[in-house]
Amino acid sequence: MTENHPPFPVPEDVRRPVPGGGGSGAASVRLGICSVTFRRLPAAEVARRAAGAGLEVIEWGADVHAPPGEPEVLRAVRDATELHGLVSCSYGSYFRCLPDELPGFAEVARAAVALRAPRVRVWAGTSGSADVTEEERSRITAGLREAALIARDHGLDIAPEFHAGTLTDSTASTVRLLEEAGVDGAGAYWQPPQDAPDEEALAGLDVLADRVGAVHVFSWWPGNQRLPLAARDGLWDRVFRLLGDRPAPRDALLEFVPGDDPAVLEREAATLRRLAFPGPGGVRSPLA
């Protein structure tokens, strides 16, 4: 880990919302970032910049910043998070819910505990829902179920990434997976499916919303072209309106920014804050 730098000053117009406060559903949204957005930066620098942009929470990625099985690294990441007044909201693991990976999941859970992250992000297999046999689907479902039970034993929740190339590549397949796993503490992530029109993306979120504990926030269009978040204001405004009608604690996490450029983080965080809390005083008005 690199040496600690002094925190960035938090912008004066930043109002850090209190989860559950303010009398509206959106007031329970915490704003943050996925550390994979800046894989090239040391973890301490990711935390410093996130705090400087007025964000509250971080999902630490297991691939670069917070690998499982490295307690000293995990402790340093946790310390950097807390030094800058942030909270680890989730652990971005790459566990794929496959039977041969199950023996290693306890180590993943211990890493989340070391970070003080209450949720583990997992992946539902390695193939899209249209490309798996029923037997393969059953194995992945069983893997998710067993991992959820291990997570629960560690005081953690678990949620699969909503992503192409996995069993959670569509709303219907995600709902089926979670229902067939049938374990408390198994929720879902959401992000706009690549190239999906706004109406299609929102219809899927409407079905999943009550299960969604975290949203990965970005503006890609077309394909994986990374645009400023404001480029899809219309979509994200409606996302936060929809979530505001379903009061529940959630995390809205910036993931990937144009050019992977740390210099645009404050701008992107300000856009996220405006979209999540557009009303007077930085809250989403019931009439907004």
C-alpha atoms as a PDB file:
ATOM      1  CA  MET A   1       0.000   0.000   0.000  1.00  0.00           C
ATOM      2  CA  THR A   2       1.144   3.549  -0.609  1.00  0.00           C
ATOM      3  CA  GLU A   3       1.502   6.148   2.095  1.00  0.00           C
ATOM      4  CA  ASN A   4      -1.625   7.977   3.199  1.00  0.00           C
ATOM      5  CA  HIS A   5      -2.254  11.409   1.743  1.00  0.00           C
ATOM      6  CA  PRO A   6      -4.387  14.063   3.424  1.00  0.00           C
ATOM      7  CA  PRO A   7      -8.074  13.881   2.501  1.00  0.00           C
ATOM      8  CA  PHE A   8      -9.469  15.996  -0.294  1.00  0.00           C
ATOM      9  CA  PRO A   9     -11.788  18.717   1.031  1.00  0.00           C
ATOM     10  CA  VAL A  10     -15.410  17.685   0.532  1.00  0.00           C
ATOM     11  CA  PRO A  11     -17.265  20.112  -1.776  1.00  0.00           C
ATOM     12  CA  GLU A  12     -19.406  22.558   0.219  1.00  0.00           C
ATOM     13  CA  ASP A  13     -22.569  21.686  -1.717  1.00  0.00           C
ATOM     14  CA  VAL A  14     -22.354  18.007  -0.797  1.00  0.00           C
ATOM     15  CA  ARG A  15     -25.105  16.827   1.473  1.00  0.00           C
ATOM     16  CA  ARG A  16     -24.349  13.317   2.685  1.00  0.00           C
ATOM     17  CA  PRO A  17     -27.810  11.707   2.919  1.00  0.00           C
ATOM     18  CA  VAL A  18     -28.638   9.771   6.050  1.00  0.00           C
ATOM     19  CA  PRO A  19     -29.815   6.244   5.207  1.00  0.00           C
ATOM     20  CA  GLY A  20     -33.492   5.943   6.008  1.00  0.00           C
ATOM     21  CA  GLY A  21     -33.870   9.637   6.737  1.00  0.00           C
ATOM     22  CA  GLY A  22     -35.725  12.451   5.057  1.00  0.00           C
ATOM     23  CA  GLY A  23     -39.090  10.766   4.640  1.00  0.00           C
ATOM     24  CA  SER A  24     -38.626   9.594   1.051  1.00  0.00           C
ATOM     25  CA  GLY A  25     -37.412   6.370  -0.491  1.00  0.00           C
ATOM     26  CA  ALA A  26     -34.468   7.976  -2.238  1.00  0.00           C
ATOM     27  CA  ALA A  27     -33.175   9.307   1.082  1.00  0.00           C
ATOM     28  CA  SER A  28     -32.048   5.756   1.886  1.00  0.00           C
ATOM     29  CA  VAL A  29     -29.717   5.654  -1.129  1.00  0.00           C
ATOM     30  CA  ARG A  30     -26.007   5.840  -0.362  1.00  0.00           C
ATOM     31  CA  LEU A  31     -23.764   7.136  -3.126  1.00  0.00           C
ATOM     32  CA  GLY A  32     -20.446   5.485  -3.833  1.00  0.00           C
ATOM     33  CA  ILE A  33     -18.070   3.910  -6.297  1.00  0.00           C
ATOM     34  CA  CYS A  34     -16.781   0.515  -7.374  1.00  0.00           C
ATOM     35  CA  SER A  35     -13.021   0.407  -6.911  1.00  0.00           C
ATOM     36  CA  VAL A  36     -12.639  -1.375 -10.274  1.00  0.00           C
ATOM     37  CA  THR A  37     -13.393   2.015 -11.832  1.00  0.00           C
ATOM     38  CA  PHE A  38      -9.792   2.924 -11.040  1.00  0.00           C
ATOM     39  CA  ARG A  39      -7.911  -0.362 -11.069  1.00  0.00           C
ATOM     40  CA  ARG A  40      -4.658   1.466 -11.830  1.00  0.00           C
ATOM     41  CA  LEU A  41      -4.789   3.511  -8.622  1.00  0.00           C
ATOM     42  CA  PRO A  42      -3.702   2.220  -5.214  1.00  0.00           C
ATOM     43  CA  ALA A  43      -6.601   1.499  -2.880  1.00  0.00           C
ATOM     44  CA  ALA A  44      -5.708   4.379  -0.563  1.00  0.00           C
ATOM     45  CA  GLU A  45      -5.871   6.798  -3.495  1.00  0.00           C
ATOM     46  CA  VAL A  46      -9.243   5.421  -4.611  1.00  0.00           C
ATOM     47  CA  ALA A  47     -10.583   6.023  -1.105  1.00  0.00           C
ATOM     48  CA  ARG A  48      -9.106   9.523  -0.942  1.00  0.00           C
ATOM     49  CA  ARG A  49     -10.589  10.551  -4.263  1.00  0.00           C
ATOM     50  CA  ALA A  50     -13.982   9.020  -3.471  1.00  0.00           C
ATOM     51  CA  ALA A  51     -14.168  10.982  -0.220  1.00  0.00           C
ATOM     52  CA  GLY A  52     -13.033  14.130  -1.988  1.00  0.00           C
ATOM     53  CA  ALA A  53     -15.902  13.746  -4.450  1.00  0.00           C
ATOM     54  CA  GLY A  54     -18.381  13.566  -1.564  1.00  0.00           C
ATOM     55  CA  LEU A  55     -19.145   9.861  -1.926  1.00  0.00           C
ATOM     56  CA  GLU A  56     -19.982   7.681   1.073  1.00  0.00           C
ATOM     57  CA  VAL A  57     -19.338   4.044   0.222  1.00  0.00           C
ATOM     58  CA  ILE A  58     -17.016   1.812  -1.786  1.00  0.00           C
ATOM     59  CA  GLU A  59     -17.436  -1.625  -3.301  1.00  0.00           C
ATOM     60  CA  TRP A  60     -13.920  -3.050  -3.126  1.00  0.00           C
ATOM     61  CA  GLY A  61     -12.963  -5.330  -6.012  1.00  0.00           C
ATOM     62  CA  ALA A  62     -11.342  -8.652  -5.214  1.00  0.00           C
ATOM     63  CA  ASP A  63      -9.253  -8.743  -8.389  1.00  0.00           C
ATOM     64  CA  VAL A  64      -6.810  -5.908  -7.707  1.00  0.00           C
ATOM     65  CA  HIS A  65      -7.450  -3.850  -4.593  1.00  0.00           C
ATOM     66  CA  ALA A  66      -8.685  -6.402  -2.050  1.00  0.00           C
ATOM     67  CA  PRO A  67      -7.735  -9.966  -2.982  1.00  0.00           C
ATOM     68  CA  PRO A  68      -9.004 -12.717  -0.668  1.00  0.00           C
ATOM     69  CA  GLY A  69      -6.451 -14.576   1.369  1.00  0.00           C
ATOM     70  CA  GLU A  70      -4.239 -11.505   1.912  1.00  0.00           C
ATOM     71  CA  PRO A  71      -5.136 -10.284   5.409  1.00  0.00           C
ATOM     72  CA  GLU A  72      -2.503  -7.531   5.569  1.00  0.00           C
ATOM     73  CA  VAL A  73      -3.721  -6.028   2.297  1.00  0.00           C
ATOM     74  CA  LEU A  74      -7.342  -6.284   3.390  1.00  0.00           C
ATOM     75  CA  ARG A  75      -6.555  -4.596   6.707  1.00  0.00           C
ATOM     76  CA  ALA A  76      -4.769  -1.757   4.915  1.00  0.00           C
ATOM     77  CA  VAL A  77      -7.738  -1.296   2.554  1.00  0.00           C
ATOM     78  CA  ARG A  78     -10.139  -1.214   5.487  1.00  0.00           C
ATOM     79  CA  ASP A  79      -7.971   1.307   7.309  1.00  0.00           C
ATOM     80  CA  ALA A  80      -7.768   3.551   4.225  1.00  0.00           C
ATOM     81  CA  THR A  81     -11.538   3.362   3.826  1.00  0.00           C
ATOM     82  CA  GLU A  82     -12.160   4.412   7.391  1.00  0.00           C
ATOM     83  CA  LEU A  83      -9.414   7.041   7.415  1.00  0.00           C
ATOM     84  CA  HIS A  84     -11.319   8.914   4.725  1.00  0.00           C
ATOM     85  CA  GLY A  85     -14.691   8.578   6.443  1.00  0.00           C
ATOM     86  CA  LEU A  86     -16.045   5.990   4.015  1.00  0.00           C
ATOM     87  CA  VAL A  87     -17.826   2.663   4.463  1.00  0.00           C
ATOM     88  CA  SER A  88     -17.193  -0.597   2.638  1.00  0.00           C
ATOM     89  CA  CYS A  89     -20.653  -1.374   1.285  1.00  0.00           C
ATOM     90  CA  SER A  90     -19.810  -4.585  -0.547  1.00  0.00           C
ATOM     91  CA  TYR A  91     -17.057  -6.920  -1.625  1.00  0.00           C
ATOM     92  CA  GLY A  92     -16.853  -7.361  -5.388  1.00  0.00           C
ATOM     93  CA  SER A  93     -15.837 -11.001  -5.626  1.00  0.00           C
ATOM     94  CA  TYR A  94     -15.391 -13.092  -8.748  1.00  0.00           C
ATOM     95  CA  PHE A  95     -16.871 -16.250  -7.272  1.00  0.00           C
ATOM     96  CA  ARG A  96     -18.932 -17.836 -10.069  1.00  0.00           C
ATOM     97  CA  CYS A  97     -21.281 -20.097  -8.042  1.00  0.00           C
ATOM     98  CA  LEU A  98     -19.690 -23.169  -9.620  1.00  0.00           C
ATOM     99  CA  PRO A  99     -19.352 -26.369  -7.558  1.00  0.00           C
ATOM    100  CA  ASP A 100     -15.573 -26.550  -7.928  1.00  0.00           C
ATOM    101  CA  GLU A 101     -15.248 -22.992  -6.561  1.00  0.00           C
ATOM    102  CA  LEU A 102     -17.319 -23.582  -3.414  1.00  0.00           C
ATOM    103  CA  PRO A 103     -14.402 -24.726  -1.233  1.00  0.00           C
ATOM    104  CA  GLY A 104     -12.849 -21.279  -1.671  1.00  0.00           C
ATOM    105  CA  PHE A 105     -15.922 -19.232  -0.843  1.00  0.00           C
ATOM    106  CA  ALA A 106     -15.339 -19.193   2.916  1.00  0.00           C
ATOM    107  CA  GLU A 107     -12.117 -17.285   2.235  1.00  0.00           C
ATOM    108  CA  VAL A 108     -14.102 -14.797   0.140  1.00  0.00           C
ATOM    109  CA  ALA A 109     -16.548 -14.369   3.022  1.00  0.00           C
ATOM    110  CA  ARG A 110     -13.694 -13.817   5.473  1.00  0.00           C
ATOM    111  CA  ALA A 111     -12.286 -11.128   3.183  1.00  0.00           C
ATOM    112  CA  ALA A 112     -15.634  -9.307   3.220  1.00  0.00           C
ATOM    113  CA  VAL A 113     -15.693  -9.502   7.007  1.00  0.00           C
ATOM    114  CA  ALA A 114     -12.137  -8.124   7.161  1.00  0.00           C
ATOM    115  CA  LEU A 115     -13.267  -5.132   5.096  1.00  0.00           C
ATOM    116  CA  ARG A 116     -16.413  -4.732   7.236  1.00  0.00           C
ATOM    117  CA  ALA A 117     -18.447  -5.088   4.039  1.00  0.00           C
ATOM    118  CA  PRO A 118     -21.935  -6.518   4.662  1.00  0.00           C
ATOM    119  CA  ARG A 119     -22.525  -7.879   1.146  1.00  0.00           C
ATOM    120  CA  VAL A 120     -20.637 -10.094  -1.302  1.00  0.00           C
ATOM    121  CA  ARG A 121     -21.130  -9.607  -5.032  1.00  0.00           C
ATOM    122  CA  VAL A 122     -20.947 -12.908  -6.943  1.00  0.00           C
ATOM    123  CA  TRP A 123     -21.423 -14.051 -10.546  1.00  0.00           C
ATOM    124  CA  ALA A 124     -23.985 -16.613 -11.680  1.00  0.00           C
ATOM    125  CA  GLY A 125     -21.908 -18.952 -13.816  1.00  0.00           C
ATOM    126  CA  THR A 126     -19.946 -18.264 -16.979  1.00  0.00           C
ATOM    127  CA  SER A 127     -22.618 -18.586 -19.688  1.00  0.00           C
ATOM    128  CA  GLY A 128     -25.780 -16.757 -20.595  1.00  0.00           C
ATOM    129  CA  SER A 129     -29.164 -18.129 -19.615  1.00  0.00           C
ATOM    130  CA  ALA A 130     -29.942 -19.206 -23.180  1.00  0.00           C
ATOM    131  CA  ASP A 131     -26.711 -21.199 -23.405  1.00  0.00           C
ATOM    132  CA  VAL A 132     -26.915 -23.440 -20.328  1.00  0.00           C
ATOM    133  CA  THR A 133     -28.604 -26.785 -19.908  1.00  0.00           C
ATOM    134  CA  GLU A 134     -31.068 -27.391 -17.106  1.00  0.00           C
ATOM    135  CA  GLU A 135     -28.425 -29.489 -15.378  1.00  0.00           C
ATOM    136  CA  GLU A 136     -25.915 -26.624 -15.550  1.00  0.00           C
ATOM    137  CA  ARG A 137     -28.521 -24.187 -14.262  1.00  0.00           C
ATOM    138  CA  SER A 138     -29.260 -26.499 -11.345  1.00  0.00           C
ATOM    139  CA  ARG A 139     -25.571 -26.681 -10.420  1.00  0.00           C
ATOM    140  CA  ILE A 140     -25.197 -22.898 -10.465  1.00  0.00           C
ATOM    141  CA  THR A 141     -28.381 -22.468  -8.446  1.00  0.00           C
ATOM    142  CA  ALA A 142     -27.070 -24.958  -5.879  1.00  0.00           C
ATOM    143  CA  GLY A 143     -23.755 -23.102  -5.806  1.00  0.00           C
ATOM    144  CA  LEU A 144     -25.509 -19.806  -5.115  1.00  0.00           C
ATOM    145  CA  ARG A 145     -27.601 -21.455  -2.398  1.00  0.00           C
ATOM    146  CA  GLU A 146     -24.559 -22.950  -0.663  1.00  0.00           C
ATOM    147  CA  ALA A 147     -22.597 -19.704  -0.937  1.00  0.00           C
ATOM    148  CA  ALA A 148     -25.537 -17.766   0.513  1.00  0.00           C
ATOM    149  CA  LEU A 149     -25.583 -20.108   3.496  1.00  0.00           C
ATOM    150  CA  ILE A 150     -21.833 -19.660   4.030  1.00  0.00           C
ATOM    151  CA  ALA A 151     -22.273 -15.906   3.716  1.00  0.00           C
ATOM    152  CA  ARG A 152     -25.090 -15.976   6.267  1.00  0.00           C
ATOM    153  CA  ASP A 153     -22.848 -17.851   8.709  1.00  0.00           C
ATOM    154  CA  HIS A 154     -20.437 -14.921   8.409  1.00  0.00           C
ATOM    155  CA  GLY A 155     -23.186 -12.319   8.897  1.00  0.00           C
ATOM    156  CA  LEU A 156     -23.213 -11.383   5.204  1.00  0.00           C
ATOM    157  CA  ASP A 157     -25.692 -10.993   2.380  1.00  0.00           C
ATOM    158  CA  ILE A 158     -24.943 -12.133  -1.152  1.00  0.00           C
ATOM    159  CA  ALA A 159     -26.067 -10.849  -4.541  1.00  0.00           C
ATOM    160  CA  PRO A 160     -25.235 -11.842  -8.123  1.00  0.00           C
ATOM    161  CA  GLU A 161     -24.115  -9.276 -10.666  1.00  0.00           C
ATOM    162  CA  PHE A 162     -26.796  -8.475 -13.278  1.00  0.00           C
ATOM    163  CA  HIS A 163     -24.679  -9.092 -16.341  1.00  0.00           C
ATOM    164  CA  ALA A 164     -24.526 -10.624 -19.803  1.00  0.00           C
ATOM    165  CA  GLY A 165     -22.830 -14.004 -20.051  1.00  0.00           C
ATOM    166  CA  THR A 166     -24.320 -15.244 -16.775  1.00  0.00           C
ATOM    167  CA  LEU A 167     -27.617 -16.672 -15.541  1.00  0.00           C
ATOM    168  CA  THR A 168     -28.534 -13.155 -14.451  1.00  0.00           C
ATOM    169  CA  ASP A 169     -28.465 -11.757 -17.983  1.00  0.00           C
ATOM    170  CA  SER A 170     -32.204 -11.080 -17.990  1.00  0.00           C
ATOM    171  CA  THR A 171     -34.871 -10.138 -15.505  1.00  0.00           C
ATOM    172  CA  ALA A 172     -36.769 -13.410 -15.891  1.00  0.00           C
ATOM    173  CA  SER A 173     -33.676 -15.568 -15.445  1.00  0.00           C
ATOM    174  CA  THR A 174     -32.562 -13.546 -12.415  1.00  0.00           C
ATOM    175  CA  VAL A 175     -35.938 -13.923 -10.714  1.00  0.00           C
ATOM    176  CA  ARG A 176     -35.952 -17.650 -11.447  1.00  0.00           C
ATOM    177  CA  LEU A 177     -32.436 -18.087 -10.057  1.00  0.00           C
ATOM    178  CA  LEU A 178     -33.213 -16.276  -6.814  1.00  0.00           C
ATOM    179  CA  GLU A 179     -36.512 -18.070  -6.333  1.00  0.00           C
ATOM    180  CA  GLU A 180     -35.009 -21.494  -6.973  1.00  0.00           C
ATOM    181  CA  ALA A 181     -32.053 -20.754  -4.682  1.00  0.00           C
ATOM    182  CA  GLY A 182     -34.630 -19.925  -2.031  1.00  0.00           C
ATOM    183  CA  VAL A 183     -32.274 -18.512   0.612  1.00  0.00           C
ATOM    184  CA  ASP A 184     -32.803 -15.433   2.758  1.00  0.00           C
ATOM    185  CA  GLY A 185     -30.069 -12.874   2.272  1.00  0.00           C
ATOM    186  CA  ALA A 186     -29.711 -13.492  -1.473  1.00  0.00           C
ATOM    187  CA  GLY A 187     -30.569 -10.304  -3.342  1.00  0.00           C
ATOM    188  CA  ALA A 188     -29.628  -8.755  -6.658  1.00  0.00           C
ATOM    189  CA  TYR A 189     -27.604  -6.058  -8.308  1.00  0.00           C
ATOM    190  CA  TRP A 190     -28.907  -4.062 -11.252  1.00  0.00           C
ATOM    191  CA  GLN A 191     -27.380  -2.090 -14.084  1.00  0.00           C
ATOM    192  CA  PRO A 192     -28.775  -1.079 -17.456  1.00  0.00           C
ATOM    193  CA  PRO A 193     -28.311  -3.969 -19.908  1.00  0.00           C
ATOM    194  CA  GLN A 194     -25.940  -3.056 -22.696  1.00  0.00           C
ATOM    195  CA  ASP A 195     -27.734  -1.486 -25.688  1.00  0.00           C
ATOM    196  CA  ALA A 196     -31.170  -1.923 -24.069  1.00  0.00           C
ATOM    197  CA  PRO A 197     -33.546   0.975 -24.794  1.00  0.00           C
ATOM    198  CA  ASP A 198     -34.543   2.960 -21.714  1.00  0.00           C
ATOM    199  CA  GLU A 199     -38.067   1.545 -21.571  1.00  0.00           C
ATOM    200  CA  GLU A 200     -36.815  -2.030 -21.688  1.00  0.00           C
ATOM    201  CA  ALA A 201     -34.202  -1.411 -19.004  1.00  0.00           C
ATOM    202  CA  LEU A 202     -36.715   0.293 -16.719  1.00  0.00           C
ATOM    203  CA  ALA A 203     -39.293  -2.451 -17.172  1.00  0.00           C
ATOM    204  CA  GLY A 204     -36.727  -4.975 -15.983  1.00  0.00           C
ATOM    205  CA  LEU A 205     -35.771  -2.860 -12.990  1.00  0.00           C
ATOM    206  CA  ASP A 206     -39.427  -2.492 -12.064  1.00  0.00           C
ATOM    207  CA  VAL A 207     -39.659  -6.279 -11.716  1.00  0.00           C
ATOM    208  CA  LEU A 208     -36.412  -6.630  -9.758  1.00  0.00           C
ATOM    209  CA  ALA A 209     -36.515  -3.456  -7.660  1.00  0.00           C
ATOM    210  CA  ASP A 210     -37.644  -5.040  -4.398  1.00  0.00           C
ATOM    211  CA  ARG A 211     -34.669  -7.440  -4.571  1.00  0.00           C
ATOM    212  CA  VAL A 212     -32.043  -4.886  -5.590  1.00  0.00           C
ATOM    213  CA  GLY A 213     -29.586  -3.806  -2.910  1.00  0.00           C
ATOM    214  CA  ALA A 214     -27.105  -2.056  -5.179  1.00  0.00           C
ATOM    215  CA  VAL A 215     -27.101  -0.394  -8.583  1.00  0.00           C
ATOM    216  CA  HIS A 216     -24.026   0.005 -10.770  1.00  0.00           C
ATOM    217  CA  VAL A 217     -24.328   3.450 -12.308  1.00  0.00           C
ATOM    218  CA  PHE A 218     -22.791   4.332 -15.684  1.00  0.00           C
ATOM    219  CA  SER A 219     -23.751   5.646 -19.099  1.00  0.00           C
ATOM    220  CA  TRP A 220     -22.622   3.377 -21.909  1.00  0.00           C
ATOM    221  CA  TRP A 221     -23.969   3.937 -25.403  1.00  0.00           C
ATOM    222  CA  PRO A 222     -23.730   2.436 -27.903  1.00  0.00           C
ATOM    223  CA  GLY A 223     -22.202  -0.831 -26.781  1.00  0.00           C
ATOM    224  CA  ASN A 224     -19.547  -0.214 -24.149  1.00  0.00           C
ATOM    225  CA  GLN A 225     -18.653   3.332 -25.180  1.00  0.00           C
ATOM    226  CA  ARG A 226     -18.194   5.150 -21.880  1.00  0.00           C
ATOM    227  CA  LEU A 227     -20.031   8.462 -21.829  1.00  0.00           C
ATOM    228  CA  PRO A 228     -20.377  11.042 -19.058  1.00  0.00           C
ATOM    229  CA  LEU A 229     -23.150  10.001 -16.702  1.00  0.00           C
ATOM    230  CA  ALA A 230     -25.163  13.074 -17.713  1.00  0.00           C
ATOM    231  CA  ALA A 231     -25.415  11.724 -21.277  1.00  0.00           C
ATOM    232  CA  ARG A 232     -28.201   9.403 -20.096  1.00  0.00           C
ATOM    233  CA  ASP A 233     -29.893  11.740 -17.640  1.00  0.00           C
ATOM    234  CA  GLY A 234     -33.302  10.648 -18.856  1.00  0.00           C
ATOM    235  CA  LEU A 235     -32.682   7.014 -17.965  1.00  0.00           C
ATOM    236  CA  TRP A 236     -31.076   7.629 -14.586  1.00  0.00           C
ATOM    237  CA  ASP A 237     -33.643  10.180 -13.462  1.00  0.00           C
ATOM    238  CA  ARG A 238     -36.330   7.565 -14.045  1.00  0.00           C
ATOM    239  CA  VAL A 239     -34.253   4.875 -12.332  1.00  0.00           C
ATOM    240  CA  PHE A 240     -34.073   6.942  -9.162  1.00  0.00           C
ATOM    241  CA  ARG A 241     -37.763   7.851  -9.392  1.00  0.00           C
ATOM    242  CA  LEU A 242     -38.622   4.161  -9.635  1.00  0.00           C
ATOM    243  CA  LEU A 243     -36.374   3.237  -6.723  1.00  0.00           C
ATOM    244  CA  GLY A 244     -37.759   6.141  -4.720  1.00  0.00           C
ATOM    245  CA  ASP A 245     -41.188   4.505  -4.929  1.00  0.00           C
ATOM    246  CA  ARG A 246     -39.737   1.343  -3.314  1.00  0.00           C
ATOM    247  CA  PRO A 247     -38.288   2.602  -0.021  1.00  0.00           C
ATOM    248  CA  ALA A 248     -35.388   0.383   0.985  1.00  0.00           C
ATOM    249  CA  PRO A 249     -31.709   0.963   1.741  1.00  0.00           C
ATOM    250  CA  ARG A 250     -29.681   0.789  -1.475  1.00  0.00           C
ATOM    251  CA  ASP A 251     -26.285   1.743  -2.792  1.00  0.00           C
ATOM    252  CA  ALA A 252     -25.839   3.635  -6.061  1.00  0.00           C
ATOM    253  CA  LEU A 253     -22.268   2.994  -7.169  1.00  0.00           C
ATOM    254  CA  LEU A 254     -20.435   4.705  -9.985  1.00  0.00           C
ATOM    255  CA  GLU A 255     -18.759   2.073 -12.139  1.00  0.00           C
ATOM    256  CA  PHE A 256     -16.386   3.003 -14.967  1.00  0.00           C
ATOM    257  CA  VAL A 257     -16.014   6.573 -16.151  1.00  0.00           C
ATOM    258  CA  PRO A 258     -14.937   8.028 -19.494  1.00  0.00           C
ATOM    259  CA  GLY A 259     -11.320   7.204 -20.177  1.00  0.00           C
ATOM    260  CA  ASP A 260     -10.960   5.582 -16.734  1.00  0.00           C
ATOM    261  CA  ASP A 261      -9.871   9.104 -15.786  1.00  0.00           C
ATOM    262  CA  PRO A 262      -9.759   9.945 -12.064  1.00  0.00           C
ATOM    263  CA  ALA A 263      -9.952  13.643 -12.980  1.00  0.00           C
ATOM    264  CA  VAL A 264     -13.629  13.302 -13.974  1.00  0.00           C
ATOM    265  CA  LEU A 265     -14.730  11.670 -10.712  1.00  0.00           C
ATOM    266  CA  GLU A 266     -15.902  14.869  -9.022  1.00  0.00           C
ATOM    267  CA  ARG A 267     -17.996  15.754 -12.072  1.00  0.00           C
ATOM    268  CA  GLU A 268     -19.512  12.267 -12.272  1.00  0.00           C
ATOM    269  CA  ALA A 269     -20.212  12.202  -8.529  1.00  0.00           C
ATOM    270  CA  ALA A 270     -21.928  15.597  -8.759  1.00  0.00           C
ATOM    271  CA  THR A 271     -24.137  14.277 -11.569  1.00  0.00           C
ATOM    272  CA  LEU A 272     -24.977  11.183  -9.537  1.00  0.00           C
ATOM    273  CA  ARG A 273     -25.878  13.333  -6.532  1.00  0.00           C
ATOM    274  CA  ARG A 274     -28.098  15.587  -8.664  1.00  0.00           C
ATOM    275  CA  LEU A 275     -29.930  12.605 -10.133  1.00  0.00           C
ATOM    276  CA  ALA A 276     -30.410  10.797  -6.825  1.00  0.00           C
ATOM    277  CA  PHE A 277     -31.329  13.899  -4.808  1.00  0.00           C
ATOM    278  CA  PRO A 278     -32.723  16.571  -7.163  1.00  0.00           C
ATOM    279  CA  GLY A 279     -35.082  18.304  -4.717  1.00  0.00           C
ATOM    280  CA  PRO A 280     -34.474  21.293  -2.412  1.00  0.00           C
ATOM    281  CA  GLY A 281     -31.781  20.597   0.154  1.00  0.00           C
ATOM    282  CA  GLY A 282     -30.456  17.639  -1.797  1.00  0.00           C
ATOM    283  CA  VAL A 283     -33.373  15.265  -1.300  1.00  0.00           C
ATOM    284  CA  ARG A 284     -35.761  13.723  -3.765  1.00  0.00           C
ATOM    285  CA  SER A 285     -39.086  15.433  -3.244  1.00  0.00           C
ATOM    286  CA  PRO A 286     -42.145  13.129  -3.320  1.00  0.00           C
ATOM    287  CA  LEU A 287     -43.402  15.401  -6.112  1.00  0.00           C
ATOM    288  CA  ALA A 288     -40.151  15.437  -8.075  1.00  0.00           C
END
